[in-house]
Amino acid sequence: MTESPVTHTTRDLSIDQQLALRTAATRLQTEFADSFGTETIQRFLESSYDQFAGRATIARFLPLLAERFARQRLYALARVEGKISDGKPTVLFLCTHNAGRSQMALGYFTHLAGEQALAWSGGSEPGNEINPAAIAAMAEVDIDITGEFPKPWTDEIVQAADVVITMGCGDACPIFPGKRYENWELPDPAGQGVETVRPIRDLIEQRVRTLLAELNVPIG
């Protein structure tokens, strides 16, 4: 396998960061070699990097964020194209900044469903970090969402989802024919303290449990 080149997206990075991106490309090529060619994988990694380059606050995390987002997008595309068929119900949670409501919903879904279902999240105007009050509120119920990060959605991610849950993104939310859509009317936790976020968190838990029941996913 050939070494991935340094592209226009990485010219302003340090040598260590360039190496990290090359290593990420190699890992992705190993994981998706049966589904996609090197050029497709490299293109997804570059475009994923571009999504974060203008707003990430800590530059050294950019290669990691790019790799994680590219992996999610490549997996979604493989599902859309029938190259992966695991039969798991897949849900996409969308809100405006992907920093509060959708992240709490993703946290609950992953916690309750385990490996029996798959969930992603995204935002129409992704923020720079997860809402600290949302992190604190979820920590109170022993769910850690600090490993997540605000990110946009892409066409392949929406197309790969069986259910799309929207929370306040309005007309910016993507619409694809044939998808099951639900809009959860929930207060926006942005700028609120933990006391205000707790009842929002609890509403989200109730809705996630109902959704899992409707999808016939046993709660672990």
N, C-alpha and C. Protein backbone atom coordinates (compact mmCIF):
# COMPACT_ATOMS: atom_id res chain seq x y z
N MET A 1 0.85 -1.20 0.00
CA MET A 1 0.00 0.00 0.00
C MET A 1 0.89 1.24 0.00
N THR A 2 0.59 2.19 -0.87
CA THR A 2 1.41 3.40 -0.95
C THR A 2 1.10 4.36 0.16
N GLU A 3 2.10 5.16 0.51
CA GLU A 3 1.92 6.16 1.56
C GLU A 3 1.06 7.30 1.06
N SER A 4 0.11 7.76 1.87
CA SER A 4 -0.76 8.85 1.46
C SER A 4 0.03 10.14 1.41
N PRO A 5 -0.16 10.96 0.38
CA PRO A 5 0.60 12.19 0.25
C PRO A 5 0.10 13.27 1.19
N VAL A 6 0.95 14.26 1.45
CA VAL A 6 0.51 15.45 2.15
C VAL A 6 -0.27 16.30 1.15
N THR A 7 -1.48 16.66 1.46
CA THR A 7 -2.35 17.36 0.52
C THR A 7 -2.47 18.82 0.91
N HIS A 8 -3.26 19.55 0.11
CA HIS A 8 -3.43 20.97 0.36
C HIS A 8 -4.05 21.25 1.73
N THR A 9 -4.79 20.28 2.28
CA THR A 9 -5.44 20.52 3.56
C THR A 9 -4.46 20.48 4.71
N THR A 10 -3.26 19.95 4.51
CA THR A 10 -2.33 19.74 5.62
C THR A 10 -1.10 20.65 5.55
N ARG A 11 -1.05 21.57 4.62
CA ARG A 11 0.18 22.36 4.45
C ARG A 11 0.52 23.21 5.67
N ASP A 12 -0.48 23.63 6.42
CA ASP A 12 -0.23 24.49 7.57
C ASP A 12 -0.02 23.69 8.85
N LEU A 13 0.00 22.38 8.77
CA LEU A 13 0.17 21.55 9.95
C LEU A 13 1.64 21.29 10.23
N SER A 14 1.93 20.97 11.48
CA SER A 14 3.28 20.59 11.85
C SER A 14 3.61 19.23 11.24
N ILE A 15 4.89 18.87 11.30
CA ILE A 15 5.31 17.56 10.81
C ILE A 15 4.58 16.45 11.55
N ASP A 16 4.44 16.59 12.87
CA ASP A 16 3.75 15.57 13.66
C ASP A 16 2.30 15.42 13.23
N GLN A 17 1.64 16.55 12.94
CA GLN A 17 0.24 16.49 12.52
C GLN A 17 0.11 15.87 11.13
N GLN A 18 1.04 16.19 10.25
CA GLN A 18 1.02 15.58 8.92
C GLN A 18 1.21 14.07 9.02
N LEU A 19 2.12 13.66 9.90
CA LEU A 19 2.34 12.24 10.11
C LEU A 19 1.08 11.58 10.66
N ALA A 20 0.39 12.28 11.59
CA ALA A 20 -0.83 11.73 12.17
C ALA A 20 -1.90 11.52 11.10
N LEU A 21 -2.00 12.45 10.15
CA LEU A 21 -2.97 12.30 9.08
C LEU A 21 -2.59 11.16 8.13
N ARG A 22 -1.31 11.02 7.86
CA ARG A 22 -0.88 9.90 7.01
C ARG A 22 -1.21 8.57 7.69
N THR A 23 -0.95 8.51 9.00
CA THR A 23 -1.24 7.30 9.75
C THR A 23 -2.74 7.01 9.76
N ALA A 24 -3.55 8.07 9.90
CA ALA A 24 -5.00 7.92 9.87
C ALA A 24 -5.45 7.38 8.53
N ALA A 25 -4.88 7.91 7.44
CA ALA A 25 -5.24 7.43 6.11
C ALA A 25 -4.91 5.96 5.95
N THR A 26 -3.77 5.54 6.47
CA THR A 26 -3.37 4.14 6.38
C THR A 26 -4.35 3.25 7.14
N ARG A 27 -4.75 3.68 8.34
CA ARG A 27 -5.72 2.90 9.12
C ARG A 27 -7.04 2.77 8.38
N LEU A 28 -7.54 3.89 7.84
CA LEU A 28 -8.81 3.86 7.12
C LEU A 28 -8.73 2.99 5.88
N GLN A 29 -7.59 3.03 5.18
CA GLN A 29 -7.43 2.20 4.00
C GLN A 29 -7.44 0.73 4.36
N THR A 30 -6.86 0.39 5.51
CA THR A 30 -6.88 -0.99 5.97
C THR A 30 -8.30 -1.43 6.31
N GLU A 31 -9.04 -0.56 7.00
CA GLU A 31 -10.40 -0.89 7.44
C GLU A 31 -11.39 -1.01 6.28
N PHE A 32 -11.23 -0.15 5.27
CA PHE A 32 -12.23 -0.08 4.21
C PHE A 32 -11.70 -0.54 2.85
N ALA A 33 -10.61 -1.30 2.86
CA ALA A 33 -10.00 -1.75 1.61
C ALA A 33 -10.95 -2.57 0.75
N ASP A 34 -11.86 -3.30 1.38
CA ASP A 34 -12.79 -4.14 0.63
C ASP A 34 -13.95 -3.34 0.04
N SER A 35 -14.11 -2.09 0.47
CA SER A 35 -15.26 -1.30 0.03
C SER A 35 -14.90 -0.14 -0.88
N PHE A 36 -13.73 0.51 -0.62
CA PHE A 36 -13.40 1.73 -1.35
C PHE A 36 -11.92 1.77 -1.74
N GLY A 37 -11.66 2.51 -2.79
CA GLY A 37 -10.29 2.70 -3.23
C GLY A 37 -9.58 3.75 -2.41
N THR A 38 -8.27 3.82 -2.57
CA THR A 38 -7.44 4.75 -1.81
C THR A 38 -7.86 6.20 -2.05
N GLU A 39 -8.18 6.55 -3.29
CA GLU A 39 -8.54 7.93 -3.60
C GLU A 39 -9.81 8.36 -2.88
N THR A 40 -10.80 7.48 -2.83
CA THR A 40 -12.04 7.81 -2.13
C THR A 40 -11.80 8.01 -0.65
N ILE A 41 -11.01 7.12 -0.06
CA ILE A 41 -10.72 7.22 1.37
C ILE A 41 -9.95 8.49 1.67
N GLN A 42 -8.96 8.81 0.84
CA GLN A 42 -8.19 10.03 1.04
C GLN A 42 -9.08 11.27 0.92
N ARG A 43 -9.99 11.25 -0.06
CA ARG A 43 -10.89 12.40 -0.27
C ARG A 43 -11.80 12.60 0.93
N PHE A 44 -12.30 11.52 1.50
CA PHE A 44 -13.16 11.63 2.67
C PHE A 44 -12.38 12.14 3.88
N LEU A 45 -11.13 11.70 4.01
CA LEU A 45 -10.32 12.17 5.12
C LEU A 45 -10.02 13.66 4.98
N GLU A 46 -9.68 14.09 3.78
CA GLU A 46 -9.39 15.50 3.54
C GLU A 46 -10.62 16.38 3.80
N SER A 47 -11.76 15.98 3.26
CA SER A 47 -12.97 16.80 3.43
C SER A 47 -13.43 16.79 4.87
N SER A 48 -13.19 15.69 5.58
CA SER A 48 -13.53 15.64 7.01
C SER A 48 -12.62 16.57 7.80
N TYR A 49 -11.34 16.59 7.44
CA TYR A 49 -10.41 17.52 8.07
C TYR A 49 -10.88 18.97 7.86
N ASP A 50 -11.29 19.28 6.63
CA ASP A 50 -11.72 20.64 6.31
C ASP A 50 -12.91 21.08 7.15
N GLN A 51 -13.76 20.12 7.55
CA GLN A 51 -14.93 20.46 8.36
C GLN A 51 -14.54 21.05 9.71
N PHE A 52 -13.37 20.66 10.22
CA PHE A 52 -12.97 21.09 11.56
C PHE A 52 -11.86 22.12 11.57
N ALA A 53 -11.15 22.26 10.46
CA ALA A 53 -9.94 23.10 10.45
C ALA A 53 -10.21 24.54 10.82
N GLY A 54 -11.37 25.06 10.47
CA GLY A 54 -11.65 26.47 10.72
C GLY A 54 -12.22 26.77 12.08
N ARG A 55 -12.53 25.75 12.88
CA ARG A 55 -13.20 26.04 14.15
C ARG A 55 -12.68 25.24 15.34
N ALA A 56 -11.81 24.27 15.11
CA ALA A 56 -11.29 23.51 16.24
C ALA A 56 -10.38 24.39 17.08
N THR A 57 -10.52 24.30 18.39
CA THR A 57 -9.77 25.18 19.29
C THR A 57 -8.39 24.63 19.62
N ILE A 58 -8.19 23.32 19.47
CA ILE A 58 -6.89 22.71 19.78
C ILE A 58 -6.42 21.99 18.53
N ALA A 59 -5.44 22.56 17.85
CA ALA A 59 -5.04 22.08 16.52
C ALA A 59 -4.55 20.64 16.54
N ARG A 60 -3.94 20.22 17.64
CA ARG A 60 -3.36 18.88 17.62
C ARG A 60 -4.42 17.78 17.56
N PHE A 61 -5.67 18.12 17.86
CA PHE A 61 -6.74 17.14 17.80
C PHE A 61 -7.34 17.01 16.40
N LEU A 62 -6.98 17.91 15.48
CA LEU A 62 -7.60 17.92 14.16
C LEU A 62 -7.44 16.58 13.42
N PRO A 63 -6.27 15.98 13.36
CA PRO A 63 -6.16 14.69 12.65
C PRO A 63 -7.06 13.61 13.26
N LEU A 64 -7.17 13.59 14.59
CA LEU A 64 -8.02 12.60 15.25
C LEU A 64 -9.48 12.83 14.91
N LEU A 65 -9.93 14.09 14.97
CA LEU A 65 -11.32 14.40 14.64
C LEU A 65 -11.61 14.05 13.18
N ALA A 66 -10.68 14.38 12.31
CA ALA A 66 -10.86 14.09 10.89
C ALA A 66 -10.97 12.59 10.65
N GLU A 67 -10.12 11.82 11.31
CA GLU A 67 -10.17 10.37 11.14
C GLU A 67 -11.48 9.79 11.64
N ARG A 68 -11.92 10.23 12.79
CA ARG A 68 -13.16 9.69 13.35
C ARG A 68 -14.36 10.02 12.47
N PHE A 69 -14.41 11.26 11.98
CA PHE A 69 -15.54 11.66 11.14
C PHE A 69 -15.48 10.95 9.79
N ALA A 70 -14.29 10.83 9.23
CA ALA A 70 -14.15 10.12 7.96
C ALA A 70 -14.57 8.66 8.11
N ARG A 71 -14.21 8.04 9.22
CA ARG A 71 -14.60 6.64 9.46
C ARG A 71 -16.11 6.51 9.49
N GLN A 72 -16.77 7.42 10.19
CA GLN A 72 -18.23 7.38 10.27
C GLN A 72 -18.85 7.56 8.88
N ARG A 73 -18.33 8.50 8.12
CA ARG A 73 -18.88 8.77 6.79
C ARG A 73 -18.64 7.60 5.84
N LEU A 74 -17.47 7.00 5.88
CA LEU A 74 -17.19 5.86 5.02
C LEU A 74 -18.06 4.66 5.39
N TYR A 75 -18.25 4.46 6.67
CA TYR A 75 -19.13 3.37 7.11
C TYR A 75 -20.55 3.62 6.61
N ALA A 76 -21.01 4.87 6.73
CA ALA A 76 -22.36 5.21 6.27
C ALA A 76 -22.49 4.97 4.77
N LEU A 77 -21.49 5.41 3.99
CA LEU A 77 -21.54 5.22 2.55
C LEU A 77 -21.54 3.74 2.19
N ALA A 78 -20.77 2.95 2.90
CA ALA A 78 -20.76 1.51 2.65
C ALA A 78 -22.12 0.89 2.91
N ARG A 79 -22.83 1.39 3.92
CA ARG A 79 -24.19 0.91 4.17
C ARG A 79 -25.13 1.31 3.05
N VAL A 80 -25.02 2.56 2.62
CA VAL A 80 -25.89 3.05 1.55
C VAL A 80 -25.69 2.23 0.27
N GLU A 81 -24.45 1.89 -0.02
CA GLU A 81 -24.12 1.17 -1.25
C GLU A 81 -24.24 -0.35 -1.10
N GLY A 82 -24.71 -0.81 0.07
CA GLY A 82 -24.91 -2.23 0.27
C GLY A 82 -23.65 -3.03 0.49
N LYS A 83 -22.55 -2.36 0.79
CA LYS A 83 -21.30 -3.05 1.02
C LYS A 83 -21.16 -3.52 2.47
N ILE A 84 -21.98 -2.95 3.34
CA ILE A 84 -22.08 -3.39 4.73
C ILE A 84 -23.55 -3.59 5.03
N SER A 85 -23.91 -4.73 5.58
CA SER A 85 -25.30 -5.01 5.92
C SER A 85 -25.33 -5.76 7.24
N ASP A 86 -25.37 -5.00 8.33
CA ASP A 86 -25.36 -5.63 9.65
C ASP A 86 -26.76 -5.75 10.26
N GLY A 87 -27.76 -5.16 9.60
CA GLY A 87 -29.13 -5.30 10.09
C GLY A 87 -29.48 -4.48 11.31
N LYS A 88 -28.54 -3.67 11.79
CA LYS A 88 -28.81 -2.88 12.99
C LYS A 88 -29.66 -1.66 12.66
N PRO A 89 -30.71 -1.38 13.44
CA PRO A 89 -31.43 -0.12 13.26
C PRO A 89 -30.47 1.05 13.46
N THR A 90 -30.58 2.06 12.60
CA THR A 90 -29.65 3.18 12.65
C THR A 90 -30.43 4.48 12.77
N VAL A 91 -30.04 5.30 13.75
CA VAL A 91 -30.75 6.54 14.05
C VAL A 91 -29.77 7.71 13.97
N LEU A 92 -30.25 8.81 13.41
CA LEU A 92 -29.45 10.04 13.34
C LEU A 92 -30.17 11.12 14.14
N PHE A 93 -29.47 11.68 15.14
CA PHE A 93 -30.02 12.77 15.96
C PHE A 93 -29.44 14.10 15.47
N LEU A 94 -30.30 15.04 15.15
CA LEU A 94 -29.87 16.32 14.61
C LEU A 94 -30.41 17.48 15.43
N CYS A 95 -29.54 18.45 15.72
CA CYS A 95 -29.99 19.72 16.30
C CYS A 95 -29.15 20.83 15.66
N THR A 96 -29.21 22.02 16.21
CA THR A 96 -28.53 23.14 15.56
C THR A 96 -27.01 23.06 15.71
N HIS A 97 -26.54 22.99 16.94
CA HIS A 97 -25.10 23.07 17.19
C HIS A 97 -24.45 21.71 17.47
N ASN A 98 -25.24 20.65 17.55
CA ASN A 98 -24.71 19.33 17.89
C ASN A 98 -23.85 19.40 19.15
N ALA A 99 -24.32 20.19 20.10
CA ALA A 99 -23.55 20.39 21.33
C ALA A 99 -24.34 20.05 22.58
N GLY A 100 -25.66 19.88 22.45
CA GLY A 100 -26.48 19.65 23.63
C GLY A 100 -27.50 18.54 23.44
N ARG A 101 -28.65 18.87 22.87
CA ARG A 101 -29.75 17.90 22.77
C ARG A 101 -29.38 16.64 22.00
N SER A 102 -28.82 16.82 20.81
CA SER A 102 -28.50 15.64 20.00
C SER A 102 -27.40 14.81 20.62
N GLN A 103 -26.48 15.46 21.34
CA GLN A 103 -25.42 14.71 22.00
C GLN A 103 -25.95 13.93 23.21
N MET A 104 -26.87 14.52 23.95
CA MET A 104 -27.47 13.78 25.06
C MET A 104 -28.29 12.61 24.54
N ALA A 105 -29.02 12.81 23.44
CA ALA A 105 -29.80 11.73 22.86
C ALA A 105 -28.90 10.60 22.38
N LEU A 106 -27.79 10.97 21.73
CA LEU A 106 -26.83 9.96 21.29
C LEU A 106 -26.26 9.20 22.48
N GLY A 107 -25.94 9.93 23.55
CA GLY A 107 -25.40 9.29 24.75
C GLY A 107 -26.36 8.29 25.35
N TYR A 108 -27.62 8.67 25.47
CA TYR A 108 -28.62 7.74 26.02
C TYR A 108 -28.82 6.55 25.08
N PHE A 109 -28.94 6.82 23.78
CA PHE A 109 -29.19 5.74 22.83
C PHE A 109 -28.08 4.70 22.88
N THR A 110 -26.84 5.16 22.84
CA THR A 110 -25.70 4.26 22.86
C THR A 110 -25.62 3.49 24.17
N HIS A 111 -25.89 4.20 25.27
CA HIS A 111 -25.86 3.57 26.59
C HIS A 111 -26.92 2.48 26.72
N LEU A 112 -28.12 2.75 26.25
CA LEU A 112 -29.24 1.81 26.43
C LEU A 112 -29.24 0.69 25.39
N ALA A 113 -28.84 1.00 24.16
CA ALA A 113 -28.91 0.00 23.10
C ALA A 113 -27.67 -0.86 23.00
N GLY A 114 -26.54 -0.34 23.46
CA GLY A 114 -25.29 -1.09 23.34
C GLY A 114 -24.95 -1.39 21.90
N GLU A 115 -24.61 -2.64 21.61
CA GLU A 115 -24.21 -3.05 20.25
C GLU A 115 -25.40 -3.47 19.40
N GLN A 116 -26.61 -3.34 19.92
CA GLN A 116 -27.78 -3.84 19.20
C GLN A 116 -28.35 -2.85 18.19
N ALA A 117 -27.90 -1.60 18.24
CA ALA A 117 -28.36 -0.57 17.31
C ALA A 117 -27.24 0.45 17.16
N LEU A 118 -27.38 1.30 16.16
CA LEU A 118 -26.35 2.28 15.85
C LEU A 118 -26.95 3.67 15.82
N ALA A 119 -26.23 4.66 16.34
CA ALA A 119 -26.72 6.05 16.32
C ALA A 119 -25.58 7.00 16.01
N TRP A 120 -25.93 8.08 15.31
CA TRP A 120 -25.01 9.16 15.01
C TRP A 120 -25.68 10.48 15.39
N SER A 121 -24.92 11.57 15.36
CA SER A 121 -25.50 12.88 15.62
C SER A 121 -24.83 13.91 14.74
N GLY A 122 -25.49 15.06 14.56
CA GLY A 122 -24.93 16.13 13.75
C GLY A 122 -25.66 17.43 14.00
N GLY A 123 -25.12 18.51 13.43
CA GLY A 123 -25.73 19.82 13.61
C GLY A 123 -25.73 20.62 12.33
N SER A 124 -26.71 21.54 12.21
CA SER A 124 -26.76 22.42 11.04
C SER A 124 -25.71 23.52 11.13
N GLU A 125 -25.35 23.92 12.35
CA GLU A 125 -24.31 24.92 12.58
C GLU A 125 -23.45 24.41 13.74
N PRO A 126 -22.59 23.44 13.49
CA PRO A 126 -21.86 22.80 14.59
C PRO A 126 -21.08 23.79 15.44
N GLY A 127 -21.15 23.60 16.76
CA GLY A 127 -20.41 24.45 17.68
C GLY A 127 -18.96 24.02 17.77
N ASN A 128 -18.25 24.62 18.71
CA ASN A 128 -16.84 24.31 18.90
C ASN A 128 -16.59 23.26 19.97
N GLU A 129 -17.58 23.05 20.84
CA GLU A 129 -17.41 22.08 21.91
C GLU A 129 -18.77 21.64 22.42
N ILE A 130 -18.79 20.51 23.13
CA ILE A 130 -20.02 20.04 23.76
C ILE A 130 -20.38 20.98 24.90
N ASN A 131 -21.66 21.26 25.05
CA ASN A 131 -22.16 22.12 26.12
C ASN A 131 -21.72 21.55 27.48
N PRO A 132 -20.95 22.30 28.27
CA PRO A 132 -20.49 21.78 29.57
C PRO A 132 -21.64 21.37 30.50
N ALA A 133 -22.76 22.09 30.43
CA ALA A 133 -23.90 21.73 31.27
C ALA A 133 -24.50 20.39 30.83
N ALA A 134 -24.50 20.12 29.53
CA ALA A 134 -24.98 18.82 29.04
C ALA A 134 -24.06 17.70 29.50
N ILE A 135 -22.76 17.97 29.45
CA ILE A 135 -21.79 16.97 29.93
C ILE A 135 -22.03 16.67 31.41
N ALA A 136 -22.21 17.74 32.18
CA ALA A 136 -22.40 17.57 33.63
C ALA A 136 -23.70 16.84 33.93
N ALA A 137 -24.77 17.19 33.22
CA ALA A 137 -26.07 16.55 33.45
C ALA A 137 -26.01 15.06 33.11
N MET A 138 -25.35 14.72 32.03
CA MET A 138 -25.24 13.31 31.66
C MET A 138 -24.33 12.55 32.62
N ALA A 139 -23.31 13.22 33.12
CA ALA A 139 -22.42 12.57 34.09
C ALA A 139 -23.19 12.18 35.35
N GLU A 140 -24.21 12.95 35.69
CA GLU A 140 -25.03 12.64 36.86
C GLU A 140 -25.76 11.31 36.73
N VAL A 141 -25.98 10.86 35.49
CA VAL A 141 -26.63 9.57 35.26
C VAL A 141 -25.62 8.55 34.72
N ASP A 142 -24.35 8.84 34.98
CA ASP A 142 -23.25 7.92 34.66
C ASP A 142 -23.11 7.65 33.17
N ILE A 143 -23.36 8.66 32.35
CA ILE A 143 -23.13 8.56 30.91
C ILE A 143 -22.12 9.63 30.53
N ASP A 144 -21.00 9.21 29.97
CA ASP A 144 -19.90 10.11 29.61
C ASP A 144 -20.00 10.48 28.13
N ILE A 145 -20.23 11.76 27.84
CA ILE A 145 -20.30 12.20 26.44
C ILE A 145 -19.10 13.09 26.08
N THR A 146 -18.07 13.07 26.91
CA THR A 146 -16.91 13.93 26.65
C THR A 146 -16.11 13.47 25.44
N GLY A 147 -16.29 12.22 25.01
CA GLY A 147 -15.55 11.73 23.86
C GLY A 147 -16.15 12.15 22.53
N GLU A 148 -17.33 12.78 22.57
CA GLU A 148 -17.98 13.22 21.33
C GLU A 148 -17.53 14.62 20.95
N PHE A 149 -17.96 15.09 19.78
CA PHE A 149 -17.56 16.42 19.31
C PHE A 149 -18.62 16.92 18.33
N PRO A 150 -18.87 18.23 18.31
CA PRO A 150 -19.84 18.78 17.36
C PRO A 150 -19.37 18.58 15.92
N LYS A 151 -20.27 18.15 15.08
CA LYS A 151 -19.93 17.90 13.69
C LYS A 151 -21.18 18.10 12.82
N PRO A 152 -20.99 18.31 11.52
CA PRO A 152 -22.12 18.46 10.62
C PRO A 152 -22.67 17.09 10.24
N TRP A 153 -23.76 17.11 9.50
CA TRP A 153 -24.18 15.87 8.86
C TRP A 153 -23.75 15.93 7.40
N THR A 154 -23.72 14.79 6.77
CA THR A 154 -23.43 14.72 5.33
C THR A 154 -24.50 13.86 4.68
N ASP A 155 -24.60 13.94 3.37
CA ASP A 155 -25.66 13.20 2.67
C ASP A 155 -25.60 11.71 2.95
N GLU A 156 -24.39 11.13 2.93
CA GLU A 156 -24.32 9.68 3.11
C GLU A 156 -24.75 9.27 4.52
N ILE A 157 -24.50 10.12 5.51
CA ILE A 157 -24.91 9.80 6.87
C ILE A 157 -26.43 9.84 6.99
N VAL A 158 -27.06 10.84 6.40
CA VAL A 158 -28.53 10.91 6.43
C VAL A 158 -29.12 9.73 5.68
N GLN A 159 -28.58 9.42 4.51
CA GLN A 159 -29.12 8.34 3.70
C GLN A 159 -28.98 6.98 4.37
N ALA A 160 -27.95 6.82 5.20
CA ALA A 160 -27.71 5.54 5.85
C ALA A 160 -28.61 5.32 7.06
N ALA A 161 -29.23 6.38 7.56
CA ALA A 161 -30.06 6.27 8.76
C ALA A 161 -31.44 5.74 8.43
N ASP A 162 -31.98 4.91 9.33
CA ASP A 162 -33.35 4.44 9.20
C ASP A 162 -34.33 5.48 9.75
N VAL A 163 -33.91 6.16 10.81
CA VAL A 163 -34.75 7.16 11.47
C VAL A 163 -33.93 8.42 11.67
N VAL A 164 -34.52 9.57 11.35
CA VAL A 164 -33.86 10.86 11.57
C VAL A 164 -34.67 11.64 12.59
N ILE A 165 -34.05 11.94 13.73
CA ILE A 165 -34.70 12.70 14.79
C ILE A 165 -34.17 14.12 14.75
N THR A 166 -35.06 15.09 14.57
CA THR A 166 -34.64 16.49 14.54
C THR A 166 -35.05 17.19 15.83
N MET A 167 -34.21 18.13 16.25
CA MET A 167 -34.45 18.86 17.50
C MET A 167 -34.04 20.31 17.32
N GLY A 168 -34.90 21.08 16.67
CA GLY A 168 -34.67 22.51 16.61
C GLY A 168 -33.86 23.02 15.44
N CYS A 169 -33.52 22.16 14.46
CA CYS A 169 -32.74 22.67 13.33
C CYS A 169 -33.63 23.22 12.22
N GLY A 170 -34.94 23.08 12.36
CA GLY A 170 -35.89 23.73 11.46
C GLY A 170 -35.70 23.39 10.00
N ASP A 171 -35.78 24.41 9.16
CA ASP A 171 -35.69 24.21 7.72
C ASP A 171 -34.32 23.73 7.28
N ALA A 172 -33.31 23.89 8.15
CA ALA A 172 -31.96 23.44 7.80
C ALA A 172 -31.82 21.93 7.86
N CYS A 173 -32.76 21.25 8.51
CA CYS A 173 -32.68 19.80 8.61
C CYS A 173 -32.85 19.17 7.23
N PRO A 174 -32.05 18.15 6.92
CA PRO A 174 -32.12 17.53 5.60
C PRO A 174 -33.34 16.64 5.44
N ILE A 175 -33.92 16.63 4.26
CA ILE A 175 -35.08 15.81 3.98
C ILE A 175 -34.77 14.90 2.79
N PHE A 176 -34.84 13.60 3.02
CA PHE A 176 -34.67 12.62 1.97
C PHE A 176 -35.92 11.77 1.90
N PRO A 177 -36.51 11.58 0.74
CA PRO A 177 -37.73 10.76 0.61
C PRO A 177 -37.52 9.35 1.14
N GLY A 178 -38.55 8.84 1.77
CA GLY A 178 -38.51 7.46 2.24
C GLY A 178 -37.95 7.28 3.62
N LYS A 179 -37.46 8.36 4.24
CA LYS A 179 -36.93 8.26 5.59
C LYS A 179 -38.04 8.46 6.62
N ARG A 180 -37.88 7.83 7.76
CA ARG A 180 -38.77 8.11 8.88
C ARG A 180 -38.21 9.30 9.64
N TYR A 181 -39.01 10.34 9.76
CA TYR A 181 -38.60 11.55 10.47
C TYR A 181 -39.47 11.77 11.69
N GLU A 182 -38.83 12.24 12.75
CA GLU A 182 -39.56 12.68 13.94
C GLU A 182 -38.94 13.99 14.40
N ASN A 183 -39.76 14.92 14.82
CA ASN A 183 -39.26 16.17 15.40
C ASN A 183 -39.56 16.17 16.89
N TRP A 184 -38.53 16.25 17.69
CA TRP A 184 -38.70 16.30 19.14
C TRP A 184 -38.65 17.76 19.58
N GLU A 185 -39.78 18.24 20.05
CA GLU A 185 -39.84 19.63 20.55
C GLU A 185 -39.25 19.67 21.95
N LEU A 186 -38.04 20.19 22.05
CA LEU A 186 -37.33 20.24 23.32
C LEU A 186 -36.70 21.61 23.50
N PRO A 187 -36.67 22.14 24.71
CA PRO A 187 -35.99 23.42 24.94
C PRO A 187 -34.51 23.32 24.59
N ASP A 188 -33.95 24.42 24.13
CA ASP A 188 -32.53 24.46 23.79
C ASP A 188 -31.72 24.69 25.05
N PRO A 189 -30.78 23.78 25.37
CA PRO A 189 -29.98 23.94 26.59
C PRO A 189 -28.81 24.91 26.44
N ALA A 190 -28.62 25.48 25.26
CA ALA A 190 -27.48 26.37 25.04
C ALA A 190 -27.50 27.53 26.02
N GLY A 191 -26.39 27.75 26.70
CA GLY A 191 -26.26 28.86 27.63
C GLY A 191 -26.95 28.66 28.96
N GLN A 192 -27.52 27.48 29.20
CA GLN A 192 -28.24 27.20 30.44
C GLN A 192 -27.35 26.45 31.43
N GLY A 193 -27.72 26.54 32.70
CA GLY A 193 -27.01 25.80 33.74
C GLY A 193 -27.52 24.39 33.88
N VAL A 194 -26.84 23.61 34.70
CA VAL A 194 -27.21 22.20 34.88
C VAL A 194 -28.64 22.06 35.39
N GLU A 195 -29.06 22.97 36.25
CA GLU A 195 -30.42 22.88 36.80
C GLU A 195 -31.47 22.93 35.71
N THR A 196 -31.22 23.75 34.69
CA THR A 196 -32.16 23.86 33.57
C THR A 196 -32.03 22.69 32.61
N VAL A 197 -30.83 22.16 32.49
CA VAL A 197 -30.59 21.08 31.53
C VAL A 197 -31.13 19.74 32.03
N ARG A 198 -31.19 19.54 33.34
CA ARG A 198 -31.64 18.25 33.89
C ARG A 198 -33.01 17.83 33.36
N PRO A 199 -34.04 18.67 33.43
CA PRO A 199 -35.34 18.23 32.91
C PRO A 199 -35.33 17.97 31.41
N ILE A 200 -34.50 18.68 30.65
CA ILE A 200 -34.36 18.41 29.22
C ILE A 200 -33.74 17.02 29.02
N ARG A 201 -32.71 16.75 29.82
CA ARG A 201 -32.07 15.43 29.78
C ARG A 201 -33.08 14.33 30.05
N ASP A 202 -33.93 14.52 31.05
CA ASP A 202 -34.90 13.49 31.43
C ASP A 202 -35.95 13.29 30.34
N LEU A 203 -36.36 14.36 29.67
CA LEU A 203 -37.29 14.23 28.54
C LEU A 203 -36.65 13.44 27.41
N ILE A 204 -35.38 13.71 27.17
CA ILE A 204 -34.67 12.99 26.12
C ILE A 204 -34.59 11.50 26.44
N GLU A 205 -34.31 11.18 27.70
CA GLU A 205 -34.26 9.76 28.08
C GLU A 205 -35.59 9.07 27.79
N GLN A 206 -36.69 9.70 28.15
CA GLN A 206 -38.01 9.11 27.92
C GLN A 206 -38.23 8.86 26.44
N ARG A 207 -37.86 9.83 25.61
CA ARG A 207 -38.08 9.71 24.18
C ARG A 207 -37.18 8.64 23.56
N VAL A 208 -35.95 8.56 24.03
CA VAL A 208 -35.05 7.54 23.51
C VAL A 208 -35.55 6.15 23.88
N ARG A 209 -36.02 5.99 25.09
CA ARG A 209 -36.56 4.68 25.50
C ARG A 209 -37.76 4.29 24.64
N THR A 210 -38.63 5.26 24.37
CA THR A 210 -39.79 5.00 23.52
C THR A 210 -39.36 4.62 22.11
N LEU A 211 -38.38 5.34 21.58
CA LEU A 211 -37.87 5.06 20.24
C LEU A 211 -37.28 3.65 20.17
N LEU A 212 -36.49 3.27 21.15
CA LEU A 212 -35.91 1.93 21.15
C LEU A 212 -36.98 0.86 21.20
N ALA A 213 -38.03 1.09 21.96
CA ALA A 213 -39.14 0.14 22.02
C ALA A 213 -39.80 0.00 20.65
N GLU A 214 -40.00 1.15 19.98
CA GLU A 214 -40.61 1.12 18.65
C GLU A 214 -39.74 0.41 17.63
N LEU A 215 -38.43 0.47 17.81
CA LEU A 215 -37.49 -0.20 16.91
C LEU A 215 -37.23 -1.64 17.33
N ASN A 216 -37.90 -2.10 18.38
CA ASN A 216 -37.73 -3.47 18.89
C ASN A 216 -36.30 -3.76 19.29
N VAL A 217 -35.66 -2.76 19.87
CA VAL A 217 -34.30 -2.92 20.36
C VAL A 217 -34.34 -3.14 21.87
N PRO A 218 -33.91 -4.29 22.36
CA PRO A 218 -33.90 -4.52 23.80
C PRO A 218 -32.97 -3.54 24.50
N ILE A 219 -33.40 -3.08 25.65
CA ILE A 219 -32.59 -2.15 26.44
C ILE A 219 -31.68 -2.95 27.36
N GLY A 220 -30.39 -2.67 27.24
CA GLY A 220 -29.42 -3.40 28.03
C GLY A 220 -29.34 -2.90 29.46
